[in-house]
PDB file of N, CA and C in Angstrom:
ATOM      1  N   MET A   1     -11.005  15.386  27.454  1.00  0.00           N
ATOM      2  CA  MET A   1     -10.462  15.087  26.165  1.00  0.00           C
ATOM      3  C   MET A   1     -10.768  13.856  25.563  1.00  0.00           C
ATOM      4  N   SER A   2     -11.168  13.607  24.325  1.00  0.00           N
ATOM      5  CA  SER A   2     -11.533  12.330  23.783  1.00  0.00           C
ATOM      6  C   SER A   2     -10.321  11.643  23.108  1.00  0.00           C
ATOM      7  N   ALA A   3     -10.582  10.333  23.218  1.00  0.00           N
ATOM      8  CA  ALA A   3      -9.545   9.497  22.825  1.00  0.00           C
ATOM      9  C   ALA A   3      -9.624   9.443  21.233  1.00  0.00           C
ATOM     10  N   LEU A   4      -8.266   9.259  20.632  1.00  0.00           N
ATOM     11  CA  LEU A   4      -8.129   9.134  19.253  1.00  0.00           C
ATOM     12  C   LEU A   4      -8.486   7.985  18.629  1.00  0.00           C
ATOM     13  N   ARG A   5      -9.334   7.798  17.701  1.00  0.00           N
ATOM     14  CA  ARG A   5     -10.012   6.732  17.349  1.00  0.00           C
ATOM     15  C   ARG A   5      -9.326   6.598  15.868  1.00  0.00           C
ATOM     16  N   PRO A   6      -8.763   5.243  15.888  1.00  0.00           N
ATOM     17  CA  PRO A   6      -7.907   4.862  14.556  1.00  0.00           C
ATOM     18  C   PRO A   6      -8.888   4.919  13.339  1.00  0.00           C
ATOM     19  N   ALA A   7      -8.232   4.885  12.164  1.00  0.00           N
ATOM     20  CA  ALA A   7      -8.888   4.566  11.005  1.00  0.00           C
ATOM     21  C   ALA A   7      -8.063   3.467  10.180  1.00  0.00           C
ATOM     22  N   ARG A   8      -8.593   3.289   8.974  1.00  0.00           N
ATOM     23  CA  ARG A   8      -8.335   2.266   8.293  1.00  0.00           C
ATOM     24  C   ARG A   8      -7.724   2.594   6.711  1.00  0.00           C
ATOM     25  N   ALA A   9      -6.931   1.887   6.359  1.00  0.00           N
ATOM     26  CA  ALA A   9      -6.240   2.060   4.736  1.00  0.00           C
ATOM     27  C   ALA A   9      -6.531   0.626   4.356  1.00  0.00           C
ATOM     28  N   SER A  10      -7.055   0.354   3.061  1.00  0.00           N
ATOM     29  CA  SER A  10      -7.150  -0.928   2.693  1.00  0.00           C
ATOM     30  C   SER A  10      -7.158  -0.976   1.085  1.00  0.00           C
ATOM     31  N   GLY A  11      -7.002  -2.063   0.494  1.00  0.00           N
ATOM     32  CA  GLY A  11      -6.880  -2.244  -0.921  1.00  0.00           C
ATOM     33  C   GLY A  11      -6.552  -3.732  -1.274  1.00  0.00           C
ATOM     34  N   LYS A  12      -6.036  -3.807  -2.492  1.00  0.00           N
ATOM     35  CA  LYS A  12      -5.782  -5.080  -3.187  1.00  0.00           C
ATOM     36  C   LYS A  12      -4.442  -4.951  -3.977  1.00  0.00           C
ATOM     37  N   VAL A  13      -3.661  -6.009  -3.924  1.00  0.00           N
ATOM     38  CA  VAL A  13      -2.261  -6.041  -4.558  1.00  0.00           C
ATOM     39  C   VAL A  13      -2.495  -7.070  -5.708  1.00  0.00           C
ATOM     40  N   THR A  14      -2.199  -6.737  -6.879  1.00  0.00           N
ATOM     41  CA  THR A  14      -2.474  -7.859  -7.930  1.00  0.00           C
ATOM     42  C   THR A  14      -0.922  -7.796  -8.807  1.00  0.00           C
ATOM     43  N   GLU A  15      -0.933  -8.801  -9.499  1.00  0.00           N
ATOM     44  CA  GLU A  15       0.170  -8.887 -10.672  1.00  0.00           C
ATOM     45  C   GLU A  15      -0.083  -7.895 -11.598  1.00  0.00           C
ATOM     46  N   ALA A  16       0.744  -7.671 -12.361  1.00  0.00           N
ATOM     47  CA  ALA A  16       0.625  -6.546 -13.699  1.00  0.00           C
ATOM     48  C   ALA A  16      -0.630  -7.019 -14.446  1.00  0.00           C
ATOM     49  N   GLY A  17      -1.495  -6.242 -14.653  1.00  0.00           N
ATOM     50  CA  GLY A  17      -2.510  -6.565 -15.495  1.00  0.00           C
ATOM     51  C   GLY A  17      -3.925  -6.728 -14.425  1.00  0.00           C
ATOM     52  N   GLY A  18      -3.765  -6.837 -13.122  1.00  0.00           N
ATOM     53  CA  GLY A  18      -4.860  -6.838 -12.326  1.00  0.00           C
ATOM     54  C   GLY A  18      -5.656  -8.090 -12.239  1.00  0.00           C
ATOM     55  N   ALA A  19      -5.277  -9.181 -12.734  1.00  0.00           N
ATOM     56  CA  ALA A  19      -6.178 -10.359 -12.715  1.00  0.00           C
ATOM     57  C   ALA A  19      -5.846 -11.095 -11.361  1.00  0.00           C
ATOM     58  N   THR A  20      -4.728 -11.254 -10.891  1.00  0.00           N
ATOM     59  CA  THR A  20      -4.357 -12.424  -9.820  1.00  0.00           C
ATOM     60  C   THR A  20      -4.041 -11.547  -8.688  1.00  0.00           C
ATOM     61  N   GLY A  21      -4.695 -11.886  -7.329  1.00  0.00           N
ATOM     62  CA  GLY A  21      -4.136 -11.228  -6.039  1.00  0.00           C
ATOM     63  C   GLY A  21      -2.933 -11.872  -5.861  1.00  0.00           C
ATOM     64  N   LEU A  22      -2.090 -10.934  -5.206  1.00  0.00           N
ATOM     65  CA  LEU A  22      -0.758 -11.439  -4.784  1.00  0.00           C
ATOM     66  C   LEU A  22      -0.599 -11.683  -3.204  1.00  0.00           C
ATOM     67  N   THR A  23      -0.153 -12.763  -2.677  1.00  0.00           N
ATOM     68  CA  THR A  23      -0.215 -13.171  -1.312  1.00  0.00           C
ATOM     69  C   THR A  23       1.165 -12.819  -0.641  1.00  0.00           C
ATOM     70  N   GLY A  24       1.204 -12.451   0.593  1.00  0.00           N
ATOM     71  CA  GLY A  24       2.299 -12.269   1.414  1.00  0.00           C
ATOM     72  C   GLY A  24       3.089 -10.958   0.952  1.00  0.00           C
ATOM     73  N   ILE A  25       2.638 -10.218   0.010  1.00  0.00           N
ATOM     74  CA  ILE A  25       3.218  -8.831  -0.014  1.00  0.00           C
ATOM     75  C   ILE A  25       3.078  -8.015   1.247  1.00  0.00           C
ATOM     76  N   GLN A  26       4.229  -7.194   1.608  1.00  0.00           N
ATOM     77  CA  GLN A  26       4.434  -6.516   2.753  1.00  0.00           C
ATOM     78  C   GLN A  26       3.998  -5.001   2.387  1.00  0.00           C
ATOM     79  N   ILE A  27       3.172  -4.449   3.249  1.00  0.00           N
ATOM     80  CA  ILE A  27       2.739  -3.100   2.945  1.00  0.00           C
ATOM     81  C   ILE A  27       3.173  -2.195   4.104  1.00  0.00           C
ATOM     82  N   ASP A  28       3.943  -1.235   4.022  1.00  0.00           N
ATOM     83  CA  ASP A  28       4.358  -0.366   5.054  1.00  0.00           C
ATOM     84  C   ASP A  28       4.128   1.359   4.873  1.00  0.00           C
ATOM     85  N   THR A  29       3.818   1.738   5.851  1.00  0.00           N
ATOM     86  CA  THR A  29       3.402   3.160   5.642  1.00  0.00           C
ATOM     87  C   THR A  29       4.494   4.225   6.050  1.00  0.00           C
ATOM     88  N   GLY A  30       4.635   5.315   5.797  1.00  0.00           N
ATOM     89  CA  GLY A  30       5.613   6.375   6.502  1.00  0.00           C
ATOM     90  C   GLY A  30       4.457   7.551   6.430  1.00  0.00           C
ATOM     91  N   ALA A  31       4.360   7.977   7.658  1.00  0.00           N
ATOM     92  CA  ALA A  31       3.336   9.085   7.773  1.00  0.00           C
ATOM     93  C   ALA A  31       4.149  10.243   8.096  1.00  0.00           C
ATOM     94  N   THR A  32       3.589  11.464   7.750  1.00  0.00           N
ATOM     95  CA  THR A  32       4.076  12.775   8.301  1.00  0.00           C
ATOM     96  C   THR A  32       3.888  12.735   9.585  1.00  0.00           C
ATOM     97  N   GLY A  33       4.888  13.126  10.307  1.00  0.00           N
ATOM     98  CA  GLY A  33       4.887  13.166  11.965  1.00  0.00           C
ATOM     99  C   GLY A  33       5.457  11.807  12.406  1.00  0.00           C
ATOM    100  N   GLY A  34       5.990  10.924  11.521  1.00  0.00           N
ATOM    101  CA  GLY A  34       6.919   9.831  12.271  1.00  0.00           C
ATOM    102  C   GLY A  34       6.182   8.599  12.467  1.00  0.00           C
ATOM    103  N   TRP A  35       4.963   8.423  12.431  1.00  0.00           N
ATOM    104  CA  TRP A  35       4.330   7.303  12.668  1.00  0.00           C
ATOM    105  C   TRP A  35       4.354   6.364  11.546  1.00  0.00           C
ATOM    106  N   GLY A  36       4.617   5.306  11.395  1.00  0.00           N
ATOM    107  CA  GLY A  36       4.526   4.253  10.507  1.00  0.00           C
ATOM    108  C   GLY A  36       3.741   2.832  11.050  1.00  0.00           C
ATOM    109  N   PHE A  37       2.912   2.197  10.014  1.00  0.00           N
ATOM    110  CA  PHE A  37       2.223   1.143  10.222  1.00  0.00           C
ATOM    111  C   PHE A  37       2.522   0.004   9.030  1.00  0.00           C
ATOM    112  N   GLY A  38       2.242  -1.317   9.441  1.00  0.00           N
ATOM    113  CA  GLY A  38       2.301  -2.296   8.376  1.00  0.00           C
ATOM    114  C   GLY A  38       1.211  -3.349   8.290  1.00  0.00           C
ATOM    115  N   ALA A  39       1.372  -4.034   7.272  1.00  0.00           N
ATOM    116  CA  ALA A  39       0.143  -5.146   7.100  1.00  0.00           C
ATOM    117  C   ALA A  39       1.101  -6.030   5.838  1.00  0.00           C
ATOM    118  N   SER A  40       0.362  -7.058   5.651  1.00  0.00           N
ATOM    119  CA  SER A  40       0.663  -8.012   4.619  1.00  0.00           C
ATOM    120  C   SER A  40      -0.626  -8.483   3.875  1.00  0.00           C
ATOM    121  N   THR A  41      -0.567  -8.700   2.519  1.00  0.00           N
ATOM    122  CA  THR A  41      -1.581  -9.349   1.952  1.00  0.00           C
ATOM    123  C   THR A  41      -2.105 -10.703   2.288  1.00  0.00           C
ATOM    124  N   GLY A  42      -3.525 -10.872   2.063  1.00  0.00           N
ATOM    125  CA  GLY A  42      -3.843 -12.290   2.312  1.00  0.00           C
ATOM    126  C   GLY A  42      -3.840 -12.955   1.169  1.00  0.00           C
ATOM    127  N   ASP A  43      -4.523 -14.203   0.968  1.00  0.00           N
ATOM    128  CA  ASP A  43      -4.584 -15.078  -0.102  1.00  0.00           C
ATOM    129  C   ASP A  43      -4.961 -14.538  -1.230  1.00  0.00           C
ATOM    130  N   ASP A  44      -5.803 -13.611  -0.949  1.00  0.00           N
ATOM    131  CA  ASP A  44      -6.625 -12.999  -2.304  1.00  0.00           C
ATOM    132  C   ASP A  44      -6.115 -11.747  -2.811  1.00  0.00           C
ATOM    133  N   GLY A  45      -5.073 -11.310  -2.110  1.00  0.00           N
ATOM    134  CA  GLY A  45      -4.218  -9.977  -2.297  1.00  0.00           C
ATOM    135  C   GLY A  45      -4.837  -8.886  -1.566  1.00  0.00           C
ATOM    136  N   THR A  46      -5.815  -8.952  -0.911  1.00  0.00           N
ATOM    137  CA  THR A  46      -6.470  -7.861  -0.098  1.00  0.00           C
ATOM    138  C   THR A  46      -5.541  -7.612   1.183  1.00  0.00           C
ATOM    139  N   TYR A  47      -5.659  -6.269   1.549  1.00  0.00           N
ATOM    140  CA  TYR A  47      -4.883  -5.965   2.898  1.00  0.00           C
ATOM    141  C   TYR A  47      -5.901  -4.777   3.713  1.00  0.00           C
ATOM    142  N   SER A  48      -5.626  -4.638   4.914  1.00  0.00           N
ATOM    143  CA  SER A  48      -6.339  -3.755   5.650  1.00  0.00           C
ATOM    144  C   SER A  48      -5.395  -3.328   6.766  1.00  0.00           C
ATOM    145  N   MET A  49      -5.187  -2.206   7.101  1.00  0.00           N
ATOM    146  CA  MET A  49      -4.249  -1.756   8.260  1.00  0.00           C
ATOM    147  C   MET A  49      -4.852  -0.673   8.987  1.00  0.00           C
ATOM    148  N   VAL A  50      -4.807  -0.782  10.313  1.00  0.00           N
ATOM    149  CA  VAL A  50      -5.181   0.599  11.212  1.00  0.00           C
ATOM    150  C   VAL A  50      -4.213   1.267  11.139  1.00  0.00           C
ATOM    151  N   VAL A  51      -4.647   2.785  10.902  1.00  0.00           N
ATOM    152  CA  VAL A  51      -3.652   3.960  11.068  1.00  0.00           C
ATOM    153  C   VAL A  51      -4.300   5.063  11.679  1.00  0.00           C
ATOM    154  N   LEU A  52      -3.456   5.910  12.029  1.00  0.00           N
ATOM    155  CA  LEU A  52      -4.026   7.120  12.871  1.00  0.00           C
ATOM    156  C   LEU A  52      -4.646   8.067  12.023  1.00  0.00           C
ATOM    157  N   PRO A  53      -5.654   8.758  12.385  1.00  0.00           N
ATOM    158  CA  PRO A  53      -6.549   9.507  11.367  1.00  0.00           C
ATOM    159  C   PRO A  53      -5.734  11.007  11.097  1.00  0.00           C
ATOM    160  N   HIS A  54      -6.181  11.602  10.116  1.00  0.00           N
ATOM    161  CA  HIS A  54      -5.737  12.979   9.966  1.00  0.00           C
ATOM    162  C   HIS A  54      -4.306  12.972   9.615  1.00  0.00           C
ATOM    163  N   ARG A  55      -3.858  12.178   8.839  1.00  0.00           N
ATOM    164  CA  ARG A  55      -2.640  11.935   8.406  1.00  0.00           C
ATOM    165  C   ARG A  55      -2.291  11.497   6.887  1.00  0.00           C
ATOM    166  N   ALA A  56      -1.228  11.948   6.301  1.00  0.00           N
ATOM    167  CA  ALA A  56      -0.936  11.412   4.817  1.00  0.00           C
ATOM    168  C   ALA A  56       0.003  10.290   5.085  1.00  0.00           C
ATOM    169  N   TYR A  57      -0.010   9.312   4.411  1.00  0.00           N
ATOM    170  CA  TYR A  57       0.917   8.104   4.324  1.00  0.00           C
ATOM    171  C   TYR A  57       1.311   7.835   2.915  1.00  0.00           C
ATOM    172  N   GLU A  58       2.500   7.552   2.726  1.00  0.00           N
ATOM    173  CA  GLU A  58       2.880   6.846   1.679  1.00  0.00           C
ATOM    174  C   GLU A  58       2.953   5.355   1.774  1.00  0.00           C
ATOM    175  N   LEU A  59       2.417   4.552   1.049  1.00  0.00           N
ATOM    176  CA  LEU A  59       2.263   3.133   1.172  1.00  0.00           C
ATOM    177  C   LEU A  59       3.363   2.580   0.158  1.00  0.00           C
ATOM    178  N   ALA A  60       4.289   1.725   0.779  1.00  0.00           N
ATOM    179  CA  ALA A  60       5.258   0.966   0.156  1.00  0.00           C
ATOM    180  C   ALA A  60       5.110  -0.363   0.000  1.00  0.00           C
ATOM    181  N   PHE A  61       5.162  -1.069  -1.080  1.00  0.00           N
ATOM    182  CA  PHE A  61       4.696  -2.439  -1.349  1.00  0.00           C
ATOM    183  C   PHE A  61       5.885  -3.296  -1.571  1.00  0.00           C
ATOM    184  N   HIS A  62       6.235  -4.372  -0.755  1.00  0.00           N
ATOM    185  CA  HIS A  62       7.620  -5.234  -0.756  1.00  0.00           C
ATOM    186  C   HIS A  62       7.246  -6.543  -1.119  1.00  0.00           C
ATOM    187  N   ASP A  63       7.923  -7.126  -1.943  1.00  0.00           N
ATOM    188  CA  ASP A  63       7.857  -8.871  -2.148  1.00  0.00           C
ATOM    189  C   ASP A  63       9.086  -9.282  -1.562  1.00  0.00           C
ATOM    190  N   ASP A  64       9.087  -9.757  -0.174  1.00  0.00           N
ATOM    191  CA  ASP A  64      10.287 -10.459   0.196  1.00  0.00           C
ATOM    192  C   ASP A  64      10.782 -11.703  -0.536  1.00  0.00           C
ATOM    193  N   ASN A  65       9.968 -12.317  -1.445  1.00  0.00           N
ATOM    194  CA  ASN A  65      10.627 -13.290  -2.341  1.00  0.00           C
ATOM    195  C   ASN A  65      11.336 -12.543  -3.707  1.00  0.00           C
ATOM    196  N   GLY A  66      11.391 -11.469  -3.930  1.00  0.00           N
ATOM    197  CA  GLY A  66      11.869 -11.065  -5.082  1.00  0.00           C
ATOM    198  C   GLY A  66      11.198 -11.127  -6.348  1.00  0.00           C
ATOM    199  N   VAL A  67       9.967 -11.796  -6.453  1.00  0.00           N
ATOM    200  CA  VAL A  67       9.551 -12.136  -7.823  1.00  0.00           C
ATOM    201  C   VAL A  67       8.972 -10.822  -8.400  1.00  0.00           C
ATOM    202  N   TYR A  68       8.628  -9.896  -7.580  1.00  0.00           N
ATOM    203  CA  TYR A  68       7.691  -8.475  -8.138  1.00  0.00           C
ATOM    204  C   TYR A  68       8.703  -7.372  -7.627  1.00  0.00           C
ATOM    205  N   VAL A  69       8.672  -6.378  -8.629  1.00  0.00           N
ATOM    206  CA  VAL A  69       9.363  -5.153  -8.245  1.00  0.00           C
ATOM    207  C   VAL A  69       8.802  -4.450  -6.944  1.00  0.00           C
ATOM    208  N   ASN A  70       9.577  -4.053  -6.087  1.00  0.00           N
ATOM    209  CA  ASN A  70       9.291  -3.069  -4.903  1.00  0.00           C
ATOM    210  C   ASN A  70       8.926  -1.844  -5.521  1.00  0.00           C
ATOM    211  N   GLY A  71       7.953  -1.275  -4.746  1.00  0.00           N
ATOM    212  CA  GLY A  71       7.713   0.283  -5.101  1.00  0.00           C
ATOM    213  C   GLY A  71       6.623   0.668  -4.027  1.00  0.00           C
ATOM    214  N   CYS A  72       5.986   1.691  -4.658  1.00  0.00           N
ATOM    215  CA  CYS A  72       5.007   2.598  -3.747  1.00  0.00           C
ATOM    216  C   CYS A  72       3.839   2.691  -4.565  1.00  0.00           C
ATOM    217  N   TYR A  73       2.618   3.200  -3.866  1.00  0.00           N
ATOM    218  CA  TYR A  73       1.392   3.731  -4.438  1.00  0.00           C
ATOM    219  C   TYR A  73       1.721   5.017  -5.113  1.00  0.00           C
ATOM    220  N   ALA A  74       1.333   5.035  -6.444  1.00  0.00           N
ATOM    221  CA  ALA A  74       1.130   6.271  -7.345  1.00  0.00           C
ATOM    222  C   ALA A  74       0.029   6.417  -7.719  1.00  0.00           C
ATOM    223  N   ASP A  75      -0.702   7.529  -7.640  1.00  0.00           N
ATOM    224  CA  ASP A  75      -2.162   7.703  -8.178  1.00  0.00           C
ATOM    225  C   ASP A  75      -2.116   8.169  -9.544  1.00  0.00           C
ATOM    226  N   ASN A  76      -1.563   7.124 -10.518  1.00  0.00           N
ATOM    227  CA  ASN A  76      -1.729   7.238 -11.920  1.00  0.00           C
ATOM    228  C   ASN A  76      -1.778   5.815 -12.480  1.00  0.00           C
ATOM    229  N   PRO A  77      -2.784   5.591 -13.427  1.00  0.00           N
ATOM    230  CA  PRO A  77      -2.842   4.371 -14.083  1.00  0.00           C
ATOM    231  C   PRO A  77      -1.500   4.207 -15.021  1.00  0.00           C
ATOM    232  N   PRO A  78      -1.283   3.217 -15.684  1.00  0.00           N
ATOM    233  CA  PRO A  78      -1.789   1.831 -15.141  1.00  0.00           C
ATOM    234  C   PRO A  78      -1.055   1.142 -13.799  1.00  0.00           C
ATOM    235  N   GLY A  79      -2.007   0.607 -13.136  1.00  0.00           N
ATOM    236  CA  GLY A  79      -1.417  -0.099 -11.936  1.00  0.00           C
ATOM    237  C   GLY A  79      -1.375   0.798 -10.564  1.00  0.00           C
ATOM    238  N   ASN A  80      -1.296   2.122 -10.525  1.00  0.00           N
ATOM    239  CA  ASN A  80      -1.215   2.918  -9.495  1.00  0.00           C
ATOM    240  C   ASN A  80       0.156   2.545  -8.652  1.00  0.00           C
ATOM    241  N   PHE A  81       1.236   2.269  -9.450  1.00  0.00           N
ATOM    242  CA  PHE A  81       2.200   1.820  -8.734  1.00  0.00           C
ATOM    243  C   PHE A  81       3.596   2.367  -9.523  1.00  0.00           C
ATOM    244  N   THR A  82       4.559   2.653  -8.660  1.00  0.00           N
ATOM    245  CA  THR A  82       5.923   3.246  -9.170  1.00  0.00           C
ATOM    246  C   THR A  82       6.977   2.400  -8.330  1.00  0.00           C
ATOM    247  N   ALA A  83       8.047   2.135  -9.110  1.00  0.00           N
ATOM    248  CA  ALA A  83       9.350   1.851  -8.506  1.00  0.00           C
ATOM    249  C   ALA A  83      10.207   2.899  -8.179  1.00  0.00           C
ATOM    250  N   ASP A  84       9.735   4.211  -8.301  1.00  0.00           N
ATOM    251  CA  ASP A  84      10.663   5.453  -8.042  1.00  0.00           C
ATOM    252  C   ASP A  84       9.997   5.765  -6.910  1.00  0.00           C
ATOM    253  N   GLY A  85      10.787   5.669  -5.728  1.00  0.00           N
ATOM    254  CA  GLY A  85      10.403   6.231  -4.331  1.00  0.00           C
ATOM    255  C   GLY A  85      10.166   7.735  -4.338  1.00  0.00           C
ATOM    256  N   HIS A  86      10.653   8.462  -5.193  1.00  0.00           N
ATOM    257  CA  HIS A  86      10.596   9.942  -5.074  1.00  0.00           C
ATOM    258  C   HIS A  86       9.031  10.471  -5.781  1.00  0.00           C
ATOM    259  N   THR A  87       8.434   9.400  -6.329  1.00  0.00           N
ATOM    260  CA  THR A  87       7.101   9.964  -6.993  1.00  0.00           C
ATOM    261  C   THR A  87       5.931   9.286  -6.493  1.00  0.00           C
ATOM    262  N   CYS A  88       5.867   8.724  -5.129  1.00  0.00           N
ATOM    263  CA  CYS A  88       4.861   8.111  -4.415  1.00  0.00           C
ATOM    264  C   CYS A  88       3.796   9.242  -4.272  1.00  0.00           C
ATOM    265  N   THR A  89       2.519   8.805  -4.350  1.00  0.00           N
ATOM    266  CA  THR A  89       1.375   9.719  -3.932  1.00  0.00           C
ATOM    267  C   THR A  89       0.918   9.473  -2.454  1.00  0.00           C
ATOM    268  N   PRO A  90       1.084  10.368  -1.583  1.00  0.00           N
ATOM    269  CA  PRO A  90       0.527  10.122  -0.220  1.00  0.00           C
ATOM    270  C   PRO A  90      -0.894   9.897  -0.366  1.00  0.00           C
ATOM    271  N   VAL A  91      -1.506   9.083   0.545  1.00  0.00           N
ATOM    272  CA  VAL A  91      -2.962   8.905   0.550  1.00  0.00           C
ATOM    273  C   VAL A  91      -3.292   9.645   2.158  1.00  0.00           C
ATOM    274  N   THR A  92      -4.252  10.277   2.045  1.00  0.00           N
ATOM    275  CA  THR A  92      -4.794  11.086   3.067  1.00  0.00           C
ATOM    276  C   THR A  92      -5.828  10.352   3.700  1.00  0.00           C
ATOM    277  N   VAL A  93      -5.594  10.125   4.964  1.00  0.00           N
ATOM    278  CA  VAL A  93      -6.629   9.312   5.860  1.00  0.00           C
ATOM    279  C   VAL A  93      -7.312  10.350   6.789  1.00  0.00           C
ATOM    280  N   GLY A  94      -8.582  10.276   6.612  1.00  0.00           N
ATOM    281  CA  GLY A  94      -9.420  11.453   7.361  1.00  0.00           C
ATOM    282  C   GLY A  94      -9.792  10.531   8.865  1.00  0.00           C
ATOM    283  N   THR A  95     -10.959  10.389   9.172  1.00  0.00           N
ATOM    284  CA  THR A  95     -11.484   9.676  10.335  1.00  0.00           C
ATOM    285  C   THR A  95     -12.318   8.359  10.017  1.00  0.00           C
ATOM    286  N   SER A  96     -12.189   7.916   8.880  1.00  0.00           N
ATOM    287  CA  SER A  96     -12.814   6.571   8.503  1.00  0.00           C
ATOM    288  C   SER A  96     -11.959   5.862   7.685  1.00  0.00           C
ATOM    289  N   GLU A  97     -12.493   4.715   6.781  1.00  0.00           N
ATOM    290  CA  GLU A  97     -11.613   3.917   6.217  1.00  0.00           C
ATOM    291  C   GLU A  97     -11.389   4.664   4.872  1.00  0.00           C
ATOM    292  N   VAL A  98     -10.177   4.460   4.398  1.00  0.00           N
ATOM    293  CA  VAL A  98      -9.986   4.642   2.981  1.00  0.00           C
ATOM    294  C   VAL A  98      -9.601   3.445   2.132  1.00  0.00           C
ATOM    295  N   THR A  99     -10.645   3.219   1.205  1.00  0.00           N
ATOM    296  CA  THR A  99     -10.571   1.916   0.548  1.00  0.00           C
ATOM    297  C   THR A  99     -10.136   2.019  -1.063  1.00  0.00           C
ATOM    298  N   GLU A 100      -9.898   0.956  -1.698  1.00  0.00           N
ATOM    299  CA  GLU A 100      -9.509   1.063  -2.909  1.00  0.00           C
ATOM    300  C   GLU A 100      -8.050   1.454  -3.312  1.00  0.00           C
ATOM    301  N   ILE A 101      -7.348   1.379  -2.254  1.00  0.00           N
ATOM    302  CA  ILE A 101      -5.887   1.525  -2.648  1.00  0.00           C
ATOM    303  C   ILE A 101      -5.347   0.452  -3.237  1.00  0.00           C
ATOM    304  N   ASP A 102      -5.468   0.238  -4.357  1.00  0.00           N
ATOM    305  CA  ASP A 102      -5.012  -0.857  -5.270  1.00  0.00           C
ATOM    306  C   ASP A 102      -3.744  -0.600  -6.141  1.00  0.00           C
ATOM    307  N   VAL A 103      -2.933  -1.674  -5.998  1.00  0.00           N
ATOM    308  CA  VAL A 103      -1.862  -1.473  -7.004  1.00  0.00           C
ATOM    309  C   VAL A 103      -1.493  -2.938  -7.979  1.00  0.00           C
ATOM    310  N   SER A 104      -0.958  -2.831  -8.867  1.00  0.00           N
ATOM    311  CA  SER A 104      -0.480  -3.839  -9.655  1.00  0.00           C
ATOM    312  C   SER A 104       0.979  -3.791  -9.747  1.00  0.00           C
ATOM    313  N   MET A 105       1.750  -4.924  -9.293  1.00  0.00           N
ATOM    314  CA  MET A 105       3.279  -4.855  -9.263  1.00  0.00           C
ATOM    315  C   MET A 105       3.647  -5.779 -10.484  1.00  0.00           C
ATOM    316  N   PRO A 106       4.584  -5.143 -11.017  1.00  0.00           N
ATOM    317  CA  PRO A 106       5.261  -5.895 -12.214  1.00  0.00           C
ATOM    318  C   PRO A 106       6.181  -6.820 -11.733  1.00  0.00           C
ATOM    319  N   LEU A 107       6.410  -7.929 -12.572  1.00  0.00           N
ATOM    320  CA  LEU A 107       7.736  -8.873 -12.269  1.00  0.00           C
ATOM    321  C   LEU A 107       8.861  -8.185 -12.174  1.00  0.00           C
ATOM    322  N   ALA A 108       9.680  -8.701 -11.387  1.00  0.00           N
ATOM    323  CA  ALA A 108      11.055  -8.384 -11.230  1.00  0.00           C
ATOM    324  C   ALA A 108      12.008  -8.817 -12.249  1.00  0.00           C
ATOM    325  N   PRO A 109      12.969  -8.224 -12.740  1.00  0.00           N
ATOM    326  CA  PRO A 109      13.912  -8.954 -13.704  1.00  0.00           C
ATOM    327  C   PRO A 109      14.640 -10.052 -13.026  1.00  0.00           C
ATOM    328  N   GLN A 110      14.549 -11.135 -13.681  1.00  0.00           N
ATOM    329  CA  GLN A 110      15.342 -12.189 -13.060  1.00  0.00           C
ATOM    330  C   GLN A 110      16.715 -12.442 -13.673  1.00  0.00           C
ATOM    331  N   PRO A 111      17.708 -12.717 -12.964  1.00  0.00           N
ATOM    332  CA  PRO A 111      19.046 -12.869 -13.413  1.00  0.00           C
ATOM    333  C   PRO A 111      19.044 -14.099 -14.259  1.00  0.00           C
TER     334      PRO A 111
END
């Protein structure tokens, strides 16, 4: 029996318009089969997380500071981002790294 080798999912989170990388955005996955993983963006807005291969993941993006709208990856421009959790696009991971899962998060309405 061979060991299950992990794969990776990575990308960049920017502000709306895509110019500035966002620091400290939380990325969580929900996978078919109940497995979930998480990461947070670095100083330049990039992230990379280890995931199990041969699964589809919905990537959710959350700003703990409330400056940006929370939502998920959606495979449609502009921004590859939606705040509607019912329209997330699953990302299928095979046996290697899936890159350029990039999103642009709009500013949240401020009171």
